[in-house]
Amino acid sequence: MRFETIAIHAGERPDEMFGAVSVPIYQTSTFVFEDVGKTRGYDYSRTANPTRKVLEDTIAALEGGKAGFAFATGMAAEATVIHLLKCGDHVISGDDVYGGTYRLFQDVMPDFGLEFTFLRMDSRQTIEAAIKPNTRMLWLETPSNPLLNIVDVEMVVDIAKKHNLMTVIDNTFATPYFLRPIEYGVDLVVHSTTKYLNGHCDVVGGAVVTTTEELTERVQFLLNAMGTCASPFDCWLVLRGIETLPVRMKQHAENATSVANYLSGHPAVKRVFYPGLDSHPGHEIAKRQMKGFGGVVSFELKEGTGAVSSFLKRIKVFSLAESLGGVASLAEHPATMSHASMPKEHREKAGITEELIRLSVGLENIDDLIDDLRRAL
């Protein structure tokens, strides 16, 4: 089946019990045993749940992976994956990753003996120079948050295979509709399902997709042992959102392209970050490995932080809020919001300036979105 059909029909659908077309919410903590040691496939919802299983199977099918796992948040998914490593291991990560990812890597996991190096992952030479004897994992985002930098997935996978390293990609921005990293040889895919997979800003969640039997068993063990799983109701909400993912992503990308082109020609805008623009340094790589360029556009104003505050107060259709990927358009200031936990020195080195604004371009009429930006600018 093709992507649009998988999004609606993957997993155990219709429900086997009564034939429900909409997946039921199995809002239960425990399941009756038929006999000692004999269940109908489920015993306790932390370990597995029928509603969660349909979501997990659907995400795995969309990504082309072996198995999927649904988590309470995107950070719960990332925290679980990083526990695949052991004390003394080293991870190479992109330098402009999501602020919560940076906080987990820089402020939490070093206390448990993990070591991290942050760098711009745009050069084979740079990445290979950072590999140490204890390096075990390459962690990438593409497009990155919030600078929309593009990582050549094929190149990174080639480096990883050469040095026997695990590759993990955060595919939240692109979604499997625009990018399928497993086809390039990536080992693990993570998502914040809060964003585009759900698409309606009414739930928080995360996901991991595995590619081997060994990784599947290890992630399942960690999910159960750490209790990082998603609730049945949250899974149902994400599953409902995924059914419209293809049509939403097409419109997100169309609107974002129009917004990026408009901002590129505005005299108050210093620079626009969007991989769909010919001027973007990763444009050709993005064209090669993606079906589309996504719905996030970032830009820098020419003036100082006073101009940023004025702009964010004037927007009406865009809302000043955290997160992204919903049907409603959002604007945020990374330096004080999504990346506030990242030290100023690291932000500036990575290129996340005080003048940077990130737009999650929603599904409103494009003329209304452009008019809103025009008034605010």
Protein backbone atom coordinates (compact mmCIF):
# COMPACT_ATOMS: atom_id res chain seq x y z
CA MET A 1 0.00 0.00 0.00
CA ARG A 2 1.05 3.57 -0.63
CA PHE A 3 1.63 6.22 2.04
CA GLU A 4 -1.85 7.78 2.05
CA THR A 5 -3.49 4.36 2.35
CA ILE A 6 -1.09 3.17 5.07
CA ALA A 7 -1.89 6.26 7.16
CA ILE A 8 -5.55 5.21 7.27
CA HIS A 9 -5.39 1.40 7.22
CA ALA A 10 -2.17 0.22 8.92
CA GLY A 11 -2.32 -1.82 12.10
CA GLU A 12 -5.25 -3.89 13.30
CA ARG A 13 -8.05 -2.02 11.53
CA PRO A 14 -10.99 -2.45 11.61
CA ASP A 15 -10.90 -3.56 15.25
CA GLU A 16 -11.13 -7.37 15.48
CA MET A 17 -13.48 -7.41 18.47
CA PHE A 18 -16.54 -5.68 17.00
CA GLY A 19 -15.34 -4.34 13.65
CA ALA A 20 -15.07 -0.72 14.74
CA VAL A 21 -13.70 1.41 11.89
CA SER A 22 -12.37 4.01 14.34
CA VAL A 23 -9.78 2.37 16.58
CA PRO A 24 -11.28 1.99 20.08
CA ILE A 25 -9.61 3.61 23.08
CA TYR A 26 -8.71 0.72 25.35
CA GLN A 27 -8.64 2.91 28.46
CA THR A 28 -7.63 0.17 30.85
CA SER A 29 -4.61 -0.45 33.00
CA THR A 30 -4.90 -4.23 33.15
CA PHE A 31 -6.28 -7.22 31.22
CA VAL A 32 -7.85 -10.49 32.40
CA PHE A 33 -5.72 -13.63 32.13
CA GLU A 34 -7.43 -16.68 30.61
CA ASP A 35 -5.32 -18.98 32.79
CA VAL A 36 -2.07 -18.89 34.72
CA GLY A 37 0.51 -17.56 32.28
CA LYS A 38 -2.05 -17.28 29.46
CA THR A 39 -3.33 -13.94 28.12
CA ARG A 40 -5.11 -12.76 24.98
CA GLY A 41 -1.97 -10.86 24.03
CA TYR A 42 -2.07 -8.12 26.66
CA ASP A 43 -1.60 -8.12 30.42
CA TYR A 44 -0.72 -4.56 31.53
CA SER A 45 -0.93 -1.31 29.58
CA ARG A 46 2.55 -0.12 30.47
CA THR A 47 3.91 -3.13 28.61
CA ALA A 48 1.48 -3.02 25.70
CA ASN A 49 -1.99 -1.72 24.88
CA PRO A 50 -4.22 -2.45 21.83
CA THR A 51 -4.77 1.24 20.98
CA ARG A 52 -1.09 2.00 21.33
CA LYS A 53 -0.21 -1.04 19.21
CA VAL A 54 -2.20 0.25 16.23
CA LEU A 55 -0.44 3.62 16.46
CA GLU A 56 2.95 1.94 16.79
CA ASP A 57 2.31 -0.32 13.82
CA THR A 58 1.12 2.63 11.75
CA ILE A 59 4.18 4.79 12.44
CA ALA A 60 6.49 1.83 11.77
CA ALA A 61 4.76 1.19 8.45
CA LEU A 62 4.97 4.86 7.42
CA GLU A 63 8.69 4.95 8.22
CA GLY A 64 9.37 1.55 6.66
CA GLY A 65 10.82 0.19 9.91
CA LYS A 66 10.63 -3.10 11.78
CA ALA A 67 8.65 -1.93 14.84
CA GLY A 68 7.29 1.26 16.37
CA PHE A 69 6.94 2.40 19.97
CA ALA A 70 4.80 5.25 21.32
CA PHE A 71 5.96 7.39 24.24
CA ALA A 72 4.45 9.94 26.59
CA THR A 73 6.42 12.81 25.02
CA GLY A 74 9.08 13.34 22.41
CA MET A 75 11.61 13.77 25.20
CA ALA A 76 10.50 10.48 26.75
CA ALA A 77 11.28 8.83 23.42
CA GLU A 78 14.72 10.49 23.28
CA ALA A 79 15.51 9.68 26.91
CA THR A 80 14.64 6.03 26.26
CA VAL A 81 16.82 5.85 23.15
CA ILE A 82 19.83 7.41 24.89
CA HIS A 83 19.58 4.64 27.51
CA LEU A 84 20.65 2.21 24.80
CA LEU A 85 24.14 3.50 25.63
CA LYS A 86 26.25 2.83 28.71
CA CYS A 87 28.52 4.83 30.99
CA GLY A 88 31.61 6.02 29.11
CA ASP A 89 30.01 6.13 25.65
CA HIS A 90 30.34 9.18 23.41
CA VAL A 91 27.67 10.75 21.14
CA ILE A 92 28.15 13.20 18.28
CA SER A 93 25.15 15.48 17.84
CA GLY A 94 24.21 18.42 15.66
CA ASP A 95 24.90 21.78 17.28
CA ASP A 96 21.50 23.37 16.57
CA VAL A 97 19.27 20.55 17.80
CA TYR A 98 16.04 21.20 19.66
CA GLY A 99 16.68 22.92 23.01
CA GLY A 100 15.15 20.06 25.00
CA THR A 101 17.45 17.59 23.27
CA TYR A 102 20.46 19.77 24.06
CA ARG A 103 19.37 20.04 27.72
CA LEU A 104 19.03 16.25 28.01
CA PHE A 105 22.44 15.70 26.43
CA GLN A 106 24.33 18.53 28.11
CA ASP A 107 22.73 18.83 31.55
CA VAL A 108 21.32 15.39 32.40
CA MET A 109 23.09 12.47 30.77
CA PRO A 110 26.71 13.50 31.58
CA ASP A 111 25.83 12.82 35.22
CA PHE A 112 25.41 9.19 34.16
CA GLY A 113 28.76 9.03 32.37
CA LEU A 114 27.81 9.83 28.78
CA GLU A 115 29.89 12.27 26.74
CA PHE A 116 28.59 14.54 23.96
CA THR A 117 30.15 16.58 21.16
CA PHE A 118 28.03 19.18 19.34
CA LEU A 119 28.99 20.23 15.82
CA ARG A 120 27.60 21.28 12.47
CA MET A 121 27.04 18.00 10.64
CA ASP A 122 27.63 19.30 7.13
CA SER A 123 31.08 17.86 6.48
CA ARG A 124 32.41 14.31 6.40
CA GLN A 125 35.80 15.58 7.54
CA THR A 126 34.32 17.44 10.52
CA ILE A 127 32.28 14.46 11.68
CA GLU A 128 35.08 11.92 11.28
CA ALA A 129 37.51 14.21 13.12
CA ALA A 130 35.16 14.19 16.12
CA ILE A 131 34.94 10.38 16.34
CA LYS A 132 36.71 8.92 19.37
CA PRO A 133 37.43 5.33 20.43
CA ASN A 134 34.36 5.50 22.71
CA THR A 135 32.00 7.05 20.13
CA ARG A 136 28.89 4.92 19.78
CA MET A 137 26.15 7.10 18.25
CA LEU A 138 25.56 9.85 15.67
CA TRP A 139 22.45 11.92 16.45
CA LEU A 140 21.01 14.12 13.71
CA GLU A 141 18.10 16.40 12.97
CA THR A 142 17.21 17.32 9.42
CA PRO A 143 15.83 19.87 8.86
CA SER A 144 17.24 21.08 12.15
CA ASN A 145 15.42 23.09 14.79
CA PRO A 146 15.33 26.10 14.44
CA LEU A 147 17.82 26.88 11.63
CA LEU A 148 16.48 24.34 9.12
CA ASN A 149 19.98 23.07 8.39
CA ILE A 150 20.04 19.99 6.15
CA VAL A 151 22.13 16.93 6.96
CA ASP A 152 23.16 14.60 4.15
CA VAL A 153 21.68 11.41 5.63
CA GLU A 154 23.40 9.12 3.13
CA MET A 155 26.80 10.62 4.01
CA VAL A 156 26.26 10.28 7.77
CA VAL A 157 25.11 6.67 7.42
CA ASP A 158 28.19 5.89 5.35
CA ILE A 159 30.42 7.35 8.09
CA ALA A 160 28.51 5.39 10.75
CA LYS A 161 28.86 2.08 8.94
CA LYS A 162 32.56 2.69 8.38
CA HIS A 163 33.11 3.25 12.12
CA ASN A 164 30.44 0.81 13.40
CA LEU A 165 28.28 3.55 14.97
CA MET A 166 24.53 3.70 15.60
CA THR A 167 22.60 6.41 13.74
CA VAL A 168 19.56 8.13 15.23
CA ILE A 169 17.54 10.76 13.38
CA ASP A 170 14.86 13.08 14.71
CA ASN A 171 12.38 13.11 11.82
CA THR A 172 9.86 15.42 13.48
CA PHE A 173 10.16 18.33 11.03
CA ALA A 174 10.12 16.33 7.79
CA THR A 175 7.83 13.47 8.88
CA PRO A 176 7.94 10.21 6.91
CA TYR A 177 5.80 11.89 4.27
CA PHE A 178 8.75 14.05 3.16
CA LEU A 179 11.72 11.95 4.37
CA ARG A 180 12.14 8.22 5.04
CA PRO A 181 15.57 7.96 6.72
CA ILE A 182 15.46 4.16 7.08
CA GLU A 183 15.69 3.90 3.28
CA TYR A 184 19.14 5.52 3.63
CA GLY A 185 20.23 3.05 6.31
CA VAL A 186 19.46 4.94 9.55
CA ASP A 187 19.15 2.63 12.57
CA LEU A 188 16.57 4.47 14.69
CA VAL A 189 14.01 7.19 13.95
CA VAL A 190 12.54 9.34 16.71
CA HIS A 191 9.58 11.71 16.62
CA SER A 192 7.81 14.22 18.72
CA THR A 193 4.32 13.11 17.72
CA THR A 194 3.12 16.29 19.43
CA LYS A 195 4.00 18.05 16.18
CA TYR A 196 2.99 17.08 12.65
CA LEU A 197 2.00 13.45 13.23
CA ASN A 198 -0.78 14.59 15.57
CA GLY A 199 -1.11 17.97 13.92
CA HIS A 200 -3.71 19.62 16.13
CA CYS A 201 -1.87 20.91 19.22
CA ASP A 202 -4.03 18.84 21.56
CA VAL A 203 -1.64 16.15 22.79
CA VAL A 204 2.02 15.56 23.64
CA GLY A 205 3.69 12.35 22.57
CA GLY A 206 6.75 10.69 21.07
CA ALA A 207 7.70 7.71 18.95
CA VAL A 208 10.66 5.50 18.07
CA VAL A 209 10.95 3.27 15.01
CA THR A 210 13.49 0.43 15.00
CA THR A 211 15.12 -1.44 12.13
CA THR A 212 16.45 -4.67 13.65
CA GLU A 213 15.21 -7.41 15.94
CA GLU A 214 17.90 -6.54 18.50
CA LEU A 215 16.97 -2.85 18.65
CA THR A 216 13.28 -3.77 18.81
CA GLU A 217 13.84 -6.00 21.84
CA ARG A 218 16.03 -3.42 23.57
CA VAL A 219 13.64 -0.50 23.04
CA GLN A 220 10.66 -2.60 24.15
CA PHE A 221 12.54 -3.59 27.30
CA LEU A 222 13.47 0.02 28.09
CA LEU A 223 9.94 1.31 27.45
CA ASN A 224 8.51 -1.25 29.84
CA ALA A 225 11.27 -0.89 32.45
CA MET A 226 11.30 2.92 32.42
CA GLY A 227 7.55 3.39 32.03
CA THR A 228 7.91 6.02 29.31
CA CYS A 229 4.96 4.79 27.22
CA ALA A 230 2.07 6.88 25.89
CA SER A 231 -1.46 6.64 27.27
CA PRO A 232 -4.23 4.99 25.21
CA PHE A 233 -6.19 8.23 24.78
CA ASP A 234 -3.11 10.16 23.64
CA CYS A 235 -2.32 7.38 21.17
CA TRP A 236 -5.85 7.60 19.79
CA LEU A 237 -5.48 11.34 19.24
CA VAL A 238 -2.17 10.91 17.40
CA LEU A 239 -3.61 8.06 15.33
CA ARG A 240 -6.57 10.22 14.33
CA GLY A 241 -4.17 12.99 13.31
CA ILE A 242 -1.99 10.69 11.20
CA GLU A 243 -4.96 9.82 8.99
CA THR A 244 -4.81 13.34 7.50
CA LEU A 245 -1.00 13.67 7.58
CA PRO A 246 -0.46 13.50 3.79
CA VAL A 247 -2.96 16.22 2.90
CA ARG A 248 -1.81 18.41 5.79
CA MET A 249 1.88 18.15 4.92
CA LYS A 250 1.24 19.11 1.29
CA GLN A 251 -0.54 22.29 2.39
CA HIS A 252 1.96 23.09 5.15
CA ALA A 253 4.77 22.96 2.59
CA GLU A 254 2.86 24.99 0.01
CA ASN A 255 2.06 27.72 2.52
CA ALA A 256 5.59 27.69 3.97
CA THR A 257 7.10 28.13 0.51
CA SER A 258 4.92 31.18 -0.09
CA VAL A 259 5.84 32.63 3.31
CA ALA A 260 9.56 32.02 2.73
CA ASN A 261 9.42 33.70 -0.66
CA TYR A 262 7.54 36.68 0.76
CA LEU A 263 9.98 37.14 3.65
CA SER A 264 12.97 36.81 1.32
CA GLY A 265 11.90 39.98 -0.47
CA HIS A 266 11.02 42.08 2.58
CA PRO A 267 13.39 44.97 3.40
CA ALA A 268 13.07 44.40 7.19
CA VAL A 269 14.25 40.78 6.92
CA LYS A 270 17.96 40.05 7.09
CA ARG A 271 17.92 36.33 6.26
CA VAL A 272 15.41 33.53 5.66
CA PHE A 273 16.00 29.88 6.59
CA TYR A 274 13.97 27.44 4.50
CA PRO A 275 15.39 24.47 2.56
CA GLY A 276 12.93 25.05 -0.25
CA LEU A 277 14.71 28.25 -1.25
CA ASP A 278 17.38 27.99 -3.94
CA SER A 279 19.58 30.19 -1.72
CA HIS A 280 19.54 27.68 1.15
CA PRO A 281 22.97 25.96 1.41
CA GLY A 282 21.32 22.56 1.86
CA HIS A 283 18.75 23.01 -0.92
CA GLU A 284 20.25 20.48 -3.34
CA ILE A 285 20.68 17.82 -0.65
CA ALA A 286 17.11 18.41 0.53
CA LYS A 287 15.83 18.06 -3.03
CA ARG A 288 17.68 14.76 -3.36
CA GLN A 289 16.55 13.10 -0.13
CA MET A 290 13.15 14.71 0.57
CA LYS A 291 9.79 14.81 -1.23
CA GLY A 292 9.09 18.32 0.11
CA PHE A 293 10.60 20.95 2.37
CA GLY A 294 8.24 21.06 5.36
CA GLY A 295 6.18 23.71 7.09
CA VAL A 296 8.71 25.57 9.27
CA VAL A 297 10.31 28.85 8.18
CA SER A 298 12.79 30.78 10.32
CA PHE A 299 14.04 34.29 9.66
CA GLU A 300 16.15 37.05 11.17
CA LEU A 301 15.06 40.66 11.42
CA LYS A 302 17.58 43.33 10.47
CA GLU A 303 17.04 45.33 13.64
CA GLY A 304 17.62 44.39 17.29
CA THR A 305 15.52 42.60 19.91
CA GLY A 306 13.17 45.57 20.19
CA ALA A 307 12.02 44.90 16.64
CA VAL A 308 11.48 41.22 17.49
CA SER A 309 9.26 42.11 20.44
CA SER A 310 7.29 44.59 18.36
CA PHE A 311 6.77 42.06 15.57
CA LEU A 312 5.61 39.31 17.94
CA LYS A 313 3.13 41.68 19.60
CA ARG A 314 1.64 42.72 16.26
CA ILE A 315 0.91 39.28 14.77
CA LYS A 316 -2.74 38.22 14.91
CA VAL A 317 -3.19 35.11 12.74
CA PHE A 318 0.14 33.67 13.88
CA SER A 319 0.08 33.05 17.64
CA LEU A 320 3.09 33.56 19.89
CA ALA A 321 3.48 30.08 21.36
CA GLU A 322 5.82 27.14 21.82
CA SER A 323 5.68 24.03 19.64
CA LEU A 324 4.89 23.61 15.96
CA GLY A 325 3.25 21.32 13.43
CA GLY A 326 -0.40 22.13 14.14
CA VAL A 327 -3.07 23.36 11.75
CA ALA A 328 -2.89 26.82 13.36
CA SER A 329 0.13 28.99 12.57
CA LEU A 330 2.54 29.73 15.43
CA ALA A 331 5.50 32.06 15.89
CA GLU A 332 8.18 31.73 18.54
CA HIS A 333 11.44 33.33 19.62
CA PRO A 334 13.95 30.45 19.99
CA ALA A 335 16.41 32.38 22.17
CA THR A 336 13.81 32.87 24.91
CA MET A 337 11.48 29.94 24.25
CA SER A 338 12.38 26.59 22.63
CA HIS A 339 16.15 27.10 23.06
CA ALA A 340 16.21 29.11 26.29
CA SER A 341 17.89 26.19 28.09
CA MET A 342 20.82 26.38 25.66
CA PRO A 343 23.57 28.72 26.93
CA LYS A 344 23.80 32.00 25.00
CA GLU A 345 27.38 31.24 23.94
CA HIS A 346 26.32 27.93 22.36
CA ARG A 347 23.27 29.51 20.71
CA GLU A 348 25.35 32.25 19.15
CA LYS A 349 28.00 29.81 17.97
CA ALA A 350 25.31 27.66 16.36
CA GLY A 351 23.75 30.72 14.72
CA ILE A 352 20.63 31.02 16.90
CA THR A 353 20.59 34.80 17.31
CA GLU A 354 18.40 37.13 19.35
CA GLU A 355 16.87 38.35 16.07
CA LEU A 356 15.78 34.86 14.98
CA ILE A 357 12.05 34.07 14.76
CA ARG A 358 10.68 30.59 13.95
CA LEU A 359 7.34 30.26 12.17
CA SER A 360 5.25 27.10 12.12
CA VAL A 361 3.20 27.81 9.02
CA GLY A 362 -0.27 26.37 9.40
CA LEU A 363 -3.20 25.65 7.10
CA GLU A 364 -4.91 29.03 7.08
CA ASN A 365 -5.51 30.86 3.81
CA ILE A 366 -2.11 31.93 2.53
CA ASP A 367 -3.28 35.46 1.77
CA ASP A 368 -4.31 35.91 5.40
CA LEU A 369 -0.92 34.64 6.57
CA ILE A 370 0.99 37.00 4.26
CA ASP A 371 -1.23 39.91 5.27
CA ASP A 372 -0.54 39.15 8.94
CA LEU A 373 3.20 39.14 8.36
CA ARG A 374 3.00 42.33 6.27
CA ARG A 375 1.13 44.20 9.03
CA ALA A 376 3.50 42.97 11.75
CA LEU A 377 6.63 43.80 9.74
